[in-house]
Protein backbone atom coordinates (compact mmCIF):
# COMPACT_ATOMS: atom_id res chain seq x y z
CA MET A 1 416.88 82.84 118.04
CA LEU A 2 420.26 84.38 118.79
CA ALA A 3 421.36 84.63 115.16
CA ALA A 4 420.46 83.30 111.72
CA PRO A 5 422.57 83.82 108.57
CA VAL A 6 421.37 84.31 105.01
CA ASN A 7 422.35 81.50 102.63
CA PRO A 8 421.77 81.34 98.86
CA SER A 9 419.46 78.39 99.49
CA ASP A 10 417.31 80.61 101.73
CA ILE A 11 416.79 83.02 98.84
CA ASN A 12 416.04 80.13 96.48
CA ALA A 13 413.41 78.84 98.92
CA ILE A 14 411.74 82.26 99.03
CA GLN A 15 411.76 82.30 95.22
CA GLY A 16 410.10 78.89 95.18
CA VAL A 17 412.91 77.18 93.27
CA TYR A 18 414.36 75.10 96.12
CA PRO A 19 413.08 71.58 96.90
CA VAL A 20 412.63 72.35 100.61
CA PRO A 21 409.68 74.74 101.16
CA LEU A 22 409.33 77.53 103.69
CA VAL A 23 408.05 76.54 107.12
CA PRO A 24 404.38 77.29 107.90
CA ALA A 25 403.88 79.01 111.25
CA THR A 26 401.39 81.12 113.17
CA CYS A 27 402.22 84.66 114.23
CA VAL A 28 401.71 85.00 117.99
CA THR A 29 400.74 88.69 117.80
CA ASP A 30 397.74 88.43 115.47
CA ASN A 31 397.31 84.66 114.92
CA THR A 32 397.89 84.96 111.16
CA SER A 33 399.49 82.20 109.09
CA VAL A 34 402.98 82.99 107.83
CA SER A 35 405.82 81.22 106.01
CA VAL A 36 409.24 81.34 107.65
CA ALA A 37 412.57 81.11 105.81
CA GLY A 38 415.98 80.22 107.21
CA PHE A 39 417.73 76.84 107.15
CA GLU A 40 420.30 77.43 109.87
CA GLY A 41 420.91 79.50 112.96
CA VAL A 42 421.48 79.22 116.69
CA ALA A 43 418.94 79.67 119.46
CA GLN A 44 418.98 79.70 123.24
CA VAL A 45 416.45 77.48 124.99
CA VAL A 46 414.01 79.56 127.05
CA ALA A 47 411.80 76.79 128.45
CA VAL A 48 411.16 73.06 128.14
CA GLY A 49 407.71 71.50 128.08
CA ASP A 50 406.45 69.17 130.81
CA ARG A 51 406.28 66.23 128.39
CA VAL A 52 410.01 66.37 127.61
CA THR A 53 411.44 63.62 129.83
CA ASP A 54 414.66 62.69 128.03
CA ALA A 55 417.61 63.50 130.29
CA HIS A 56 419.66 64.44 127.23
CA ALA A 57 417.07 66.88 125.88
CA PRO A 58 418.04 70.56 125.61
CA GLN A 59 417.66 72.54 128.83
CA PRO A 60 417.01 76.25 129.49
CA GLY A 61 420.05 78.39 128.79
CA GLU A 62 421.63 75.96 126.34
CA TRP A 63 422.42 76.83 122.73
CA VAL A 64 420.84 74.68 120.03
CA ILE A 65 420.93 74.47 116.24
CA PRO A 66 418.37 72.92 113.85
CA ASP A 67 418.54 69.16 113.47
CA THR A 68 415.84 68.95 110.82
CA ALA A 69 415.36 70.24 107.28
CA GLY A 70 413.47 73.49 106.76
CA PHE A 71 413.52 74.73 110.35
CA GLY A 72 412.59 78.35 109.68
CA THR A 73 415.23 80.26 111.65
CA TRP A 74 414.27 83.77 110.51
CA ARG A 75 412.12 84.50 113.55
CA ALA A 76 412.60 85.65 117.12
CA HIS A 77 411.05 82.63 118.90
CA ALA A 78 409.86 79.15 118.01
CA VAL A 79 408.13 76.24 119.74
CA VAL A 80 409.51 72.97 118.35
CA PRO A 81 409.91 69.32 119.37
CA ALA A 82 413.05 68.73 121.42
CA THR A 83 414.18 66.22 118.80
CA ASP A 84 414.30 68.95 116.12
CA VAL A 85 417.35 70.64 117.66
CA ALA A 86 420.86 69.65 118.73
CA VAL A 87 422.76 71.16 121.63
CA VAL A 88 426.01 72.90 120.70
CA ARG A 89 426.71 74.65 123.99
CA ARG A 90 425.61 73.46 127.42
CA ALA A 91 424.38 75.87 130.08
CA GLY A 92 427.28 77.16 132.16
CA SER A 93 429.83 75.89 129.66
CA ASP A 94 433.10 77.79 129.23
CA SER A 95 433.14 76.89 125.52
CA ALA A 96 434.73 79.50 123.26
CA LEU A 97 432.06 78.90 120.61
CA GLN A 98 430.78 82.26 119.37
CA VAL A 99 427.23 83.06 118.27
CA ALA A 100 428.20 83.76 114.64
CA ALA A 101 430.10 80.49 114.35
CA ALA A 102 427.32 78.46 115.97
CA ALA A 103 424.72 80.03 113.68
CA SER A 104 426.50 78.74 110.58
CA LEU A 105 427.35 75.21 111.73
CA SER A 106 424.59 73.12 110.23
CA VAL A 107 424.62 73.82 106.47
CA ASN A 108 428.01 74.77 105.07
CA THR A 109 430.17 72.60 107.33
CA THR A 110 427.97 69.58 106.68
CA THR A 111 428.04 70.21 102.94
CA ALA A 112 431.84 70.48 102.90
CA TYR A 113 432.26 67.29 104.95
CA ARG A 114 429.94 65.26 102.73
CA LEU A 115 431.51 66.58 99.54
CA LEU A 116 434.87 65.27 100.72
CA ARG A 117 433.53 61.95 102.02
CA ASP A 118 430.70 60.83 99.74
CA PHE A 119 432.16 60.78 96.23
CA ALA A 120 435.76 59.57 96.32
CA ASN A 121 438.15 57.77 98.64
CA LEU A 122 440.56 60.65 99.09
CA GLU A 123 444.05 59.92 100.32
CA ALA A 124 447.05 62.02 101.27
CA GLY A 125 448.50 63.55 98.11
CA ASP A 126 445.19 63.61 96.20
CA THR A 127 444.03 66.93 94.80
CA VAL A 128 440.66 68.66 95.04
CA VAL A 129 439.67 71.54 92.77
CA GLN A 130 436.65 73.78 93.25
CA ASN A 131 435.11 77.02 92.09
CA ALA A 132 433.78 79.60 94.56
CA GLY A 133 436.68 78.61 96.80
CA ASN A 134 436.24 81.77 98.90
CA SER A 135 432.65 80.86 99.79
CA ALA A 136 431.83 79.44 103.21
CA VAL A 137 431.64 75.89 101.85
CA GLY A 138 434.82 76.44 99.85
CA ARG A 139 436.76 77.57 102.92
CA TYR A 140 435.49 74.61 104.95
CA VAL A 141 436.55 72.25 102.14
CA ILE A 142 440.05 73.72 102.31
CA GLN A 143 440.18 73.29 106.09
CA LEU A 144 438.82 69.75 106.06
CA SER A 145 440.71 68.57 103.00
CA VAL A 146 443.71 66.27 103.31
CA ALA A 147 445.37 68.34 100.63
CA ALA A 148 442.86 65.93 99.15
CA ALA A 149 442.64 66.92 90.41
CA LYS A 150 440.72 63.73 91.76
CA VAL A 151 437.54 65.54 92.85
CA ALA A 152 436.02 68.85 91.71
CA PHE A 153 433.32 70.73 93.62
CA ASN A 154 431.02 73.06 91.68
CA SER A 155 428.69 75.62 93.22
CA VAL A 156 428.64 78.10 90.33
CA GLY A 157 427.37 76.26 87.25
CA GLY A 158 427.66 77.36 83.64
CA LYS A 159 431.07 77.68 81.96
CA SER A 160 432.97 77.54 85.26
CA ALA A 161 431.51 74.13 86.06
CA THR A 162 432.50 72.76 82.65
CA GLU A 163 436.05 74.06 83.09
CA LEU A 164 436.26 72.20 86.40
CA LEU A 165 435.22 69.00 84.63
CA HIS A 166 438.01 69.48 82.10
CA ALA A 167 440.51 70.08 84.94
CA LEU A 168 439.82 66.70 86.52
CA ALA A 169 442.23 63.83 86.07
CA PRO A 170 440.89 60.75 84.22
CA GLY A 171 438.59 58.83 86.53
CA GLY A 172 437.90 61.94 88.61
CA THR A 173 434.54 62.91 90.08
CA HIS A 174 432.73 66.22 89.52
CA VAL A 175 430.18 67.13 92.22
CA THR A 176 427.66 69.95 91.84
CA TYR A 177 426.13 71.31 95.05
CA GLY A 178 424.93 74.71 93.80
CA VAL A 179 424.15 76.69 90.64
CA MET A 180 424.72 80.30 91.62
CA THR A 181 424.70 81.55 88.02
CA ARG A 182 421.43 79.69 87.27
CA GLU A 183 423.13 78.68 84.00
CA PRO A 184 423.16 75.09 82.69
CA MET A 185 426.37 73.10 82.78
CA ALA A 186 427.63 71.53 79.57
CA VAL A 187 429.00 68.01 80.11
CA PRO A 188 431.02 66.86 77.08
CA ALA A 189 430.26 63.20 76.38
CA SER A 190 433.90 62.61 75.46
CA LEU A 191 434.98 63.29 79.05
CA LEU A 192 432.55 60.68 80.37
CA ILE A 193 433.29 58.07 77.72
CA PHE A 194 437.00 58.42 77.03
CA LYS A 195 438.25 59.98 80.28
CA ASP A 196 436.02 57.94 82.61
CA LYS A 197 434.97 61.04 84.55
CA PHE A 198 431.86 61.12 86.72
CA ALA A 199 429.33 63.92 87.27
CA ASN A 200 427.23 63.85 90.44
CA GLY A 201 425.01 66.14 92.48
CA GLU A 202 424.77 66.71 96.22
CA LEU A 203 421.85 68.03 98.29
CA VAL A 204 422.50 67.95 102.04
CA THR A 205 418.95 68.96 102.92
CA PRO A 206 416.62 66.26 101.54
CA PRO A 207 413.42 67.44 99.85
CA PRO A 208 410.15 66.48 101.54
CA GLU A 209 408.59 63.23 100.38
């Protein structure tokens, strides 16, 4: 692994309150069983097994990011199926992609994209409101938004989330993708019944079946 960030969901997984568990692994130094955290990161391919025959499979020297839930990036090395990673920088490429940027591609950018695409048909002139707007997801939402209050994105929970629901225009959609305060969100029935507002949740990483 070249780099692996720390996300709130990583901490939640360690605490046992996230639907995606830690990844079981075996320590190569003493053969003990361990559990590995880390949902995203970037690695450089060191070697490819003899049974990997796909011409598009990652090759030595290339940068890859997880392409599966619960990868376990908080480790120095990993042996994984070639299908569990996606190439983000080819060997010998003159790409300007930096390690820190590559390490944070798979969670927050995906979350921001799906928040904007999955819950409303946003058009030019529509408005999006969100709390935690200075978070990684919040900044990606701003960058990806079409200046696209029709949709509200909540990652905080508690009173802040309820205030976002009030700020929505009638018919607007409220999407919760995090509960940083660990506080419940009050949803006034009057906003759902008389203002035709919607409250939804989003989890980019699906829990295991």
